[in-house]
């Protein structure tokens, strides 16, 4: 006798979604659903950006740069395509910007961390392991939101922004200093 066929991945996803639609609402779910990404953007602008500006960074989210006489320190924020989390990538280039092998030149006031190879970048980490590189503020967009109240989402976003500031204070300057030392030694 043959075992019954398992539903395909997309079908099981649809069935799970239908099952969630029929469940009883949790307390507070009757409020209007608030999207977390715009809240996270605002919280980053209110909390993280002023700290970075105080340390000499210019530009606007998601790409910031600090131009020095001997180098440019770069920061790029990148959200997951599935929503609910982001990474913060650090990089560094010479004071003249970046010139690629194929001839494209990127000026110092336009260069971003993503203009350099991934081997020349470092991700901030809130904890050990690759999962620690993601700063989580909500569930992925294909799942129901972890919170629906504005206050809960705001608190979650502020917690993620605080984790970014802590990781930045522990890791960023040391990484840039080490990278600058390696760069000078190679020249």
Foldseek 3Di string as FASTA:
>chain_A
DDDDDDDDPVVVLVVVVVVVVPDDDDPPVVDAFDDLVVLLQVLCVVPVVVVVVVVQWDDHPQKIWHADQFKIKIWGWAADPQDFKIWIKIAMDGNQADADPVGDGDGNVGHHPVVDDPVRMDIQALDDDPVRRIQGQWDGNSDPTPHGDPVSSNVSSNVSSVSVVVSCVVPVVVVVVVSSVVVVVVD
